[in-house]
N, C-alpha and C. Protein backbone atom coordinates (compact mmCIF):
# COMPACT_ATOMS: atom_id res chain seq x y z
N MET A 1 -19.35 -0.45 -5.18
CA MET A 1 -18.93 -0.06 -3.72
C MET A 1 -17.34 -0.17 -3.34
N LYS A 2 -17.15 0.83 -2.87
CA LYS A 2 -15.31 1.22 -2.85
C LYS A 2 -15.09 0.06 -1.72
N TYR A 3 -13.65 0.26 -2.24
CA TYR A 3 -12.95 -0.85 -1.24
C TYR A 3 -11.61 0.30 -1.39
N MET A 4 -10.51 0.04 -0.27
CA MET A 4 -9.65 0.17 -0.30
C MET A 4 -8.33 -0.72 0.16
N LEU A 5 -7.34 -1.23 -1.02
CA LEU A 5 -6.19 -2.19 -0.42
C LEU A 5 -5.04 -1.61 -0.41
N LEU A 6 -4.32 -2.16 1.42
CA LEU A 6 -3.29 -1.76 1.37
C LEU A 6 -2.61 -1.97 1.84
N MET A 7 -1.02 -2.19 1.38
CA MET A 7 -0.02 -3.23 1.37
C MET A 7 0.88 -2.72 2.71
N GLN A 8 1.05 -3.90 3.09
CA GLN A 8 1.98 -3.78 4.45
C GLN A 8 3.21 -4.40 4.43
N ALA A 9 4.55 -3.70 4.84
CA ALA A 9 5.59 -4.07 5.03
C ALA A 9 6.21 -4.05 6.11
N THR A 10 7.49 -5.21 6.22
CA THR A 10 7.52 -5.11 7.66
C THR A 10 9.20 -3.85 7.64
N ALA A 11 9.98 -3.56 9.13
CA ALA A 11 10.84 -3.30 9.02
C ALA A 11 11.89 -3.63 8.26
N LEU A 12 12.12 -5.06 8.12
CA LEU A 12 12.98 -5.93 7.35
C LEU A 12 13.03 -5.49 5.88
N ASP A 13 11.20 -5.90 5.41
CA ASP A 13 11.05 -5.27 4.11
C ASP A 13 11.70 -3.92 3.42
N MET A 14 11.25 -3.13 4.43
CA MET A 14 11.83 -1.54 4.08
C MET A 14 13.87 -1.27 4.21
N ALA A 15 14.15 -2.36 5.37
CA ALA A 15 15.41 -1.65 4.95
C ALA A 15 15.45 -3.11 3.65
N ALA A 16 15.44 -3.87 3.23
CA ALA A 16 15.78 -4.49 1.99
C ALA A 16 14.98 -4.21 1.00
N GLY A 17 14.47 -2.97 0.77
CA GLY A 17 13.55 -2.35 -0.19
C GLY A 17 14.21 -2.20 -1.44
N PRO A 18 13.89 -1.46 -2.31
CA PRO A 18 14.13 -0.86 -4.19
C PRO A 18 15.52 -0.15 -3.34
N ALA A 19 15.72 0.76 -2.27
CA ALA A 19 16.80 1.51 -2.42
C ALA A 19 18.42 0.61 -2.13
N SER A 20 17.78 -1.16 -2.25
CA SER A 20 19.14 -2.28 -1.81
C SER A 20 18.96 -2.57 -3.24
N TRP A 21 18.06 -2.76 -4.19
CA TRP A 21 17.99 -3.96 -4.82
C TRP A 21 18.89 -3.18 -6.10
N ALA A 22 18.99 -4.52 -7.23
CA ALA A 22 19.71 -3.92 -8.23
C ALA A 22 19.04 -3.09 -9.25
N ARG A 23 19.85 -2.95 -9.88
CA ARG A 23 18.58 -1.47 -10.96
C ARG A 23 17.76 -1.97 -11.58
N GLU A 24 17.97 -3.13 -12.27
CA GLU A 24 17.00 -3.95 -12.87
C GLU A 24 16.02 -4.38 -12.41
N ASP A 25 16.17 -4.46 -10.89
CA ASP A 25 15.16 -5.41 -10.31
C ASP A 25 13.71 -4.10 -9.97
N VAL A 26 14.39 -2.47 -9.71
CA VAL A 26 13.94 -2.12 -9.44
C VAL A 26 13.06 -1.43 -10.91
N VAL A 27 13.91 -1.28 -12.26
CA VAL A 27 13.26 -1.01 -12.91
C VAL A 27 11.79 -1.98 -13.08
N ALA A 28 12.17 -3.23 -13.06
CA ALA A 28 11.07 -4.75 -13.30
C ALA A 28 10.05 -3.74 -12.56
N HIS A 29 10.06 -3.55 -10.99
CA HIS A 29 9.07 -3.54 -9.69
C HIS A 29 8.38 -2.46 -10.81
N VAL A 30 8.79 -1.51 -11.20
CA VAL A 30 8.24 -0.17 -11.22
C VAL A 30 7.50 -0.05 -12.27
N GLU A 31 8.16 -0.94 -13.42
CA GLU A 31 7.43 -1.20 -15.04
C GLU A 31 6.48 -2.02 -14.41
N PHE A 32 5.95 -3.35 -13.43
CA PHE A 32 5.01 -3.60 -12.82
C PHE A 32 3.78 -2.87 -12.71
N MET A 33 4.14 -1.78 -11.18
CA MET A 33 3.25 -0.66 -11.01
C MET A 33 2.95 -0.09 -12.24
N ARG A 34 3.52 0.51 -13.04
CA ARG A 34 2.83 0.90 -14.70
C ARG A 34 2.16 0.44 -15.05
N GLU A 35 2.45 -0.56 -15.74
CA GLU A 35 1.11 -1.55 -16.41
C GLU A 35 0.16 -2.10 -15.47
N LEU A 36 0.23 -2.07 -14.18
CA LEU A 36 -1.01 -2.61 -13.08
C LEU A 36 -2.20 -1.15 -13.37
N MET A 37 -1.59 -0.06 -13.46
CA MET A 37 -2.29 1.34 -13.13
C MET A 37 -2.54 1.60 -14.36
N GLU A 38 -1.91 1.53 -16.17
CA GLU A 38 -2.49 1.57 -17.05
C GLU A 38 -2.88 0.54 -17.34
N ASN A 39 -2.95 -0.29 -17.12
CA ASN A 39 -3.56 -1.66 -18.29
C ASN A 39 -4.69 -2.80 -17.10
N TYR A 40 -4.45 -2.66 -16.29
CA TYR A 40 -4.92 -4.37 -15.36
C TYR A 40 -6.21 -3.60 -15.20
N PHE A 41 -6.87 -2.51 -14.84
CA PHE A 41 -7.54 -2.45 -14.19
C PHE A 41 -9.05 -1.81 -14.97
N LYS A 42 -10.15 -2.48 -14.82
CA LYS A 42 -11.08 -1.86 -15.61
C LYS A 42 -11.32 -0.59 -15.82
N PRO A 43 -11.92 0.26 -16.78
CA PRO A 43 -12.47 1.33 -16.65
C PRO A 43 -13.41 1.97 -15.51
N GLY A 44 -13.07 3.41 -14.70
CA GLY A 44 -14.07 3.15 -13.77
C GLY A 44 -12.62 2.37 -12.16
N GLU A 45 -12.38 1.55 -12.69
CA GLU A 45 -12.20 1.06 -10.99
C GLU A 45 -10.90 1.36 -10.41
N LEU A 46 -10.48 2.22 -10.73
CA LEU A 46 -9.09 2.92 -9.65
C LEU A 46 -9.71 3.96 -9.59
N LEU A 47 -9.35 4.67 -8.58
CA LEU A 47 -9.89 5.75 -8.02
C LEU A 47 -8.52 6.51 -7.65
N ASP A 48 -7.73 5.82 -6.97
CA ASP A 48 -6.12 6.42 -6.74
C ASP A 48 -5.58 5.20 -6.25
N ALA A 49 -3.83 5.83 -6.29
CA ALA A 49 -3.07 4.74 -5.47
C ALA A 49 -2.13 5.57 -5.13
N GLN A 50 -1.32 5.10 -4.31
CA GLN A 50 -0.30 6.06 -3.97
C GLN A 50 1.00 4.87 -3.45
N GLY A 51 2.38 5.32 -3.46
CA GLY A 51 3.06 4.54 -2.86
C GLY A 51 3.16 5.59 -1.38
N LEU A 52 4.02 4.97 -0.79
CA LEU A 52 4.16 6.14 0.94
C LEU A 52 5.40 6.08 1.25
N ALA A 53 5.49 7.48 1.74
CA ALA A 53 7.55 7.74 1.84
C ALA A 53 7.53 6.71 2.80
N ALA A 54 9.03 6.79 3.20
CA ALA A 54 9.88 6.12 4.46
C ALA A 54 8.56 5.97 5.58
N PRO A 55 8.68 4.98 6.73
CA PRO A 55 8.29 5.22 7.54
C PRO A 55 9.01 5.92 9.05
N ASP A 56 10.32 6.77 8.47
CA ASP A 56 10.32 7.59 9.49
C ASP A 56 10.33 8.83 9.22
N THR A 57 9.38 9.17 8.17
CA THR A 57 8.92 10.26 8.14
C THR A 57 7.07 10.88 8.53
N VAL A 58 7.26 9.32 8.83
CA VAL A 58 5.43 9.28 9.47
C VAL A 58 5.81 10.12 11.37
N ARG A 59 4.22 10.89 11.25
CA ARG A 59 4.08 11.15 12.13
C ARG A 59 2.42 11.17 12.95
N VAL A 60 2.84 10.56 14.47
CA VAL A 60 1.29 10.25 15.12
C VAL A 60 0.54 11.55 15.14
N ILE A 61 -0.06 11.62 15.41
CA ILE A 61 -1.30 13.43 15.60
C ILE A 61 -2.59 12.93 16.23
N GLN A 62 -2.12 13.76 17.73
CA GLN A 62 -3.23 13.33 18.62
C GLN A 62 -3.55 14.52 19.35
N ALA A 63 -4.97 14.45 19.32
CA ALA A 63 -5.19 15.87 20.16
C ALA A 63 -4.91 16.01 21.88
N GLY A 64 -4.70 16.86 22.19
CA GLY A 64 -4.08 16.52 23.98
C GLY A 64 -5.62 16.95 24.22
N ASP A 65 -5.72 16.62 25.96
CA ASP A 65 -7.02 17.22 26.53
C ASP A 65 -7.09 18.95 26.31
N ASP A 66 -6.60 19.32 26.20
CA ASP A 66 -6.83 21.23 25.64
C ASP A 66 -7.12 21.09 24.27
N GLY A 67 -6.84 20.68 23.05
CA GLY A 67 -7.20 20.62 22.10
C GLY A 67 -5.86 21.08 21.13
N GLU A 68 -4.98 21.22 21.72
CA GLU A 68 -3.68 21.18 21.11
C GLU A 68 -3.07 19.76 20.58
N PRO A 69 -2.56 19.93 19.33
CA PRO A 69 -1.83 18.64 18.67
C PRO A 69 -0.68 18.38 19.60
N ILE A 70 -0.64 16.81 19.90
CA ILE A 70 0.84 16.32 20.17
C ILE A 70 0.63 15.38 19.10
N VAL A 71 2.36 15.62 18.82
CA VAL A 71 2.88 15.09 17.33
C VAL A 71 4.30 14.54 18.10
N THR A 72 4.25 12.96 17.52
CA THR A 72 5.27 11.59 17.80
C THR A 72 5.72 11.29 16.54
N ASP A 73 6.87 11.46 17.11
CA ASP A 73 7.67 10.24 15.50
C ASP A 73 6.54 8.58 15.63
N GLY A 74 6.56 8.51 14.41
CA GLY A 74 5.93 7.07 14.12
C GLY A 74 6.73 6.47 12.87
N PRO A 75 6.23 4.97 12.48
CA PRO A 75 5.59 4.30 13.57
C PRO A 75 6.64 3.98 14.51
N PHE A 76 6.48 3.45 15.47
CA PHE A 76 7.19 3.04 16.70
C PHE A 76 7.55 1.81 16.37
N PRO A 77 8.61 1.44 17.15
CA PRO A 77 9.85 0.32 16.91
C PRO A 77 9.28 -0.53 17.79
N GLU A 78 8.30 -0.53 17.81
CA GLU A 78 7.36 -1.96 18.34
C GLU A 78 6.33 -2.10 17.22
N SER A 79 6.18 -1.41 16.34
CA SER A 79 5.22 -2.19 15.39
C SER A 79 6.08 -2.82 14.69
N LYS A 80 5.28 -4.35 13.75
CA LYS A 80 5.69 -4.88 13.55
C LYS A 80 5.60 -4.93 11.89
N GLU A 81 4.70 -3.57 11.50
CA GLU A 81 4.41 -3.72 10.27
C GLU A 81 3.84 -2.26 9.55
N PHE A 82 4.20 -1.92 8.14
CA PHE A 82 4.11 -0.46 8.45
C PHE A 82 3.08 0.06 6.98
N LEU A 83 2.24 1.09 6.69
CA LEU A 83 1.90 0.83 5.27
C LEU A 83 2.63 1.31 4.40
N ALA A 84 3.12 0.75 3.54
CA ALA A 84 3.99 0.69 2.45
C ALA A 84 2.99 1.29 1.12
N GLY A 85 1.62 1.70 0.90
CA GLY A 85 1.44 2.02 -0.34
C GLY A 85 -0.61 1.21 -0.19
N TYR A 86 -1.13 2.46 -1.14
CA TYR A 86 -2.86 2.09 -1.08
C TYR A 86 -3.08 2.36 -2.13
N TRP A 87 -4.14 1.87 -2.11
CA TRP A 87 -5.12 1.34 -4.06
C TRP A 87 -6.56 1.75 -3.16
N LEU A 88 -7.22 2.54 -3.62
CA LEU A 88 -8.27 3.24 -3.48
C LEU A 88 -9.55 3.11 -5.11
N LEU A 89 -10.65 2.05 -4.64
CA LEU A 89 -11.18 1.27 -6.13
C LEU A 89 -12.42 1.52 -5.80
N GLU A 90 -13.34 1.71 -7.29
CA GLU A 90 -15.00 1.13 -6.97
C GLU A 90 -14.80 0.14 -7.94
N LEU A 91 -15.01 -0.92 -7.28
CA LEU A 91 -15.54 -1.92 -7.78
C LEU A 91 -17.22 -2.68 -7.73
N ALA A 92 -17.40 -3.76 -8.18
CA ALA A 92 -18.77 -4.45 -8.22
C ALA A 92 -18.81 -5.65 -7.29
N ASP A 93 -17.85 -5.72 -7.10
CA ASP A 93 -17.70 -7.01 -6.02
C ASP A 93 -16.52 -7.42 -4.78
N GLU A 94 -16.81 -7.67 -3.69
CA GLU A 94 -15.81 -8.05 -2.99
C GLU A 94 -14.27 -9.13 -4.19
N LYS A 95 -14.68 -9.65 -4.58
CA LYS A 95 -14.20 -11.23 -5.25
C LYS A 95 -13.25 -10.42 -6.35
N ARG A 96 -13.64 -9.15 -7.07
CA ARG A 96 -12.26 -8.79 -8.17
C ARG A 96 -11.85 -7.91 -7.42
N ALA A 97 -12.25 -7.75 -5.70
CA ALA A 97 -10.71 -7.00 -4.88
C ALA A 97 -10.00 -7.85 -4.47
N VAL A 98 -10.23 -9.07 -4.31
CA VAL A 98 -9.52 -10.15 -4.04
C VAL A 98 -8.55 -10.28 -5.26
N GLU A 99 -8.94 -10.70 -6.25
CA GLU A 99 -8.13 -10.98 -7.13
C GLU A 99 -7.18 -9.97 -7.70
N ILE A 100 -7.35 -8.14 -7.65
CA ILE A 100 -7.10 -7.49 -7.78
C ILE A 100 -5.70 -7.04 -6.36
N GLY A 101 -6.12 -7.91 -5.01
CA GLY A 101 -4.86 -7.88 -4.11
C GLY A 101 -3.49 -8.83 -3.91
N ALA A 102 -4.57 -9.66 -4.26
CA ALA A 102 -3.50 -11.07 -5.10
C ALA A 102 -2.61 -11.01 -6.22
N HIS A 103 -2.87 -9.72 -7.13
CA HIS A 103 -2.45 -9.34 -8.24
C HIS A 103 -0.91 -8.61 -8.01
N ILE A 104 -1.39 -7.83 -6.32
CA ILE A 104 -0.60 -6.23 -6.26
C ILE A 104 0.23 -7.28 -5.48
N SER A 105 -0.14 -8.57 -4.63
CA SER A 105 0.95 -8.81 -3.95
C SER A 105 2.14 -9.84 -4.59
N ALA A 106 2.08 -10.17 -5.84
CA ALA A 106 3.03 -10.76 -6.19
C ALA A 106 3.75 -9.50 -7.51
N ALA A 107 3.82 -8.75 -6.51
CA ALA A 107 4.50 -7.29 -7.81
C ALA A 107 5.92 -8.28 -7.72
N PRO A 108 6.72 -8.55 -8.68
CA PRO A 108 8.38 -8.36 -8.85
C PRO A 108 9.83 -7.67 -7.56
N GLY A 109 9.88 -8.94 -6.68
CA GLY A 109 11.09 -8.11 -6.44
C GLY A 109 12.56 -8.71 -6.78
N PRO A 110 13.51 -8.74 -5.94
CA PRO A 110 14.79 -8.67 -6.55
C PRO A 110 14.94 -10.35 -7.08
N GLY A 111 15.80 -9.79 -8.27
CA GLY A 111 15.21 -11.30 -8.97
C GLY A 111 14.46 -11.88 -9.99
N GLY A 112 13.83 -10.89 -9.70
CA GLY A 112 12.18 -11.65 -10.17
C GLY A 112 10.85 -11.82 -9.63
N LYS A 113 11.70 -12.39 -8.40
CA LYS A 113 10.50 -13.01 -7.73
C LYS A 113 9.36 -12.66 -6.77
N PRO A 114 8.60 -12.90 -6.91
CA PRO A 114 7.23 -12.84 -6.47
C PRO A 114 7.68 -11.60 -4.81
N LEU A 115 7.25 -10.10 -4.37
CA LEU A 115 7.02 -10.40 -3.17
C LEU A 115 6.03 -10.82 -1.80
N ASN A 116 4.97 -11.10 -2.29
CA ASN A 116 4.13 -11.74 -1.65
C ASN A 116 3.72 -10.69 -0.52
N PHE A 117 3.95 -9.50 -0.74
CA PHE A 117 3.43 -9.09 0.86
C PHE A 117 2.03 -8.84 0.73
N PRO A 118 1.43 -8.58 2.28
CA PRO A 118 0.09 -8.71 2.64
C PRO A 118 -0.73 -7.34 1.76
N ILE A 119 -1.63 -7.91 1.66
CA ILE A 119 -2.32 -6.78 0.69
C ILE A 119 -3.73 -6.54 1.94
N VAL A 120 -4.32 -5.59 3.03
CA VAL A 120 -5.75 -5.80 3.35
C VAL A 120 -6.04 -5.38 3.01
N LEU A 121 -7.45 -5.75 2.94
CA LEU A 121 -8.66 -4.90 2.16
C LEU A 121 -9.30 -4.45 2.92
N HIS A 122 -10.07 -3.57 3.22
CA HIS A 122 -11.03 -2.42 3.41
C HIS A 122 -11.81 -2.14 3.20
N PRO A 123 -13.02 -2.69 3.05
CA PRO A 123 -14.83 -2.01 2.34
C PRO A 123 -14.80 -0.54 2.89
N ILE A 124 -14.54 0.49 2.21
CA ILE A 124 -15.22 1.29 2.63
C ILE A 124 -16.80 1.86 3.09
N GLY A 125 -16.81 2.12 4.51
CA GLY A 125 -18.66 2.65 4.48
C GLY A 125 -18.77 3.74 3.85
N GLN A 126 -20.15 3.59 4.31
CA GLN A 126 -20.72 4.93 3.82
C GLN A 126 -21.19 5.23 4.36
N ALA A 127 -21.88 6.97 4.62
CA ALA A 127 -22.65 7.13 6.03
C ALA A 127 -24.06 7.12 4.90
N PRO A 128 -24.94 6.82 6.51
CA PRO A 128 -26.40 6.74 6.63
C PRO A 128 -27.03 7.75 5.71
N ALA A 129 -27.24 7.87 4.83
CA ALA A 129 -28.42 8.66 3.95
C ALA A 129 -29.39 9.29 4.84
């Protein structure tokens, strides 16, 4: 089964993010993510993973009544959370997805303290055959 793990962050998290951390904290966080990608996943589990650009670069696209695109800045100020990154996985079961999500949530932040960001688990549906 395929799963997507989505890392959520708040506006406050983003403002206090790696750009404001001490260099050694950024290095520790990046090393955690590198080791995660290289050593944590069993062969075939990790299909893709990406950190996402800052929220101020996000755009929302919607088709207008005439089919033309309507593009607005996003996320909107009333948004409480932003998508900070994702992992696309192929796993035997949800139990493993939960284990991986908890591990990712504990990525180190300032002073090595775990960030404990929420990780949203989305099973990926399959079209009927």
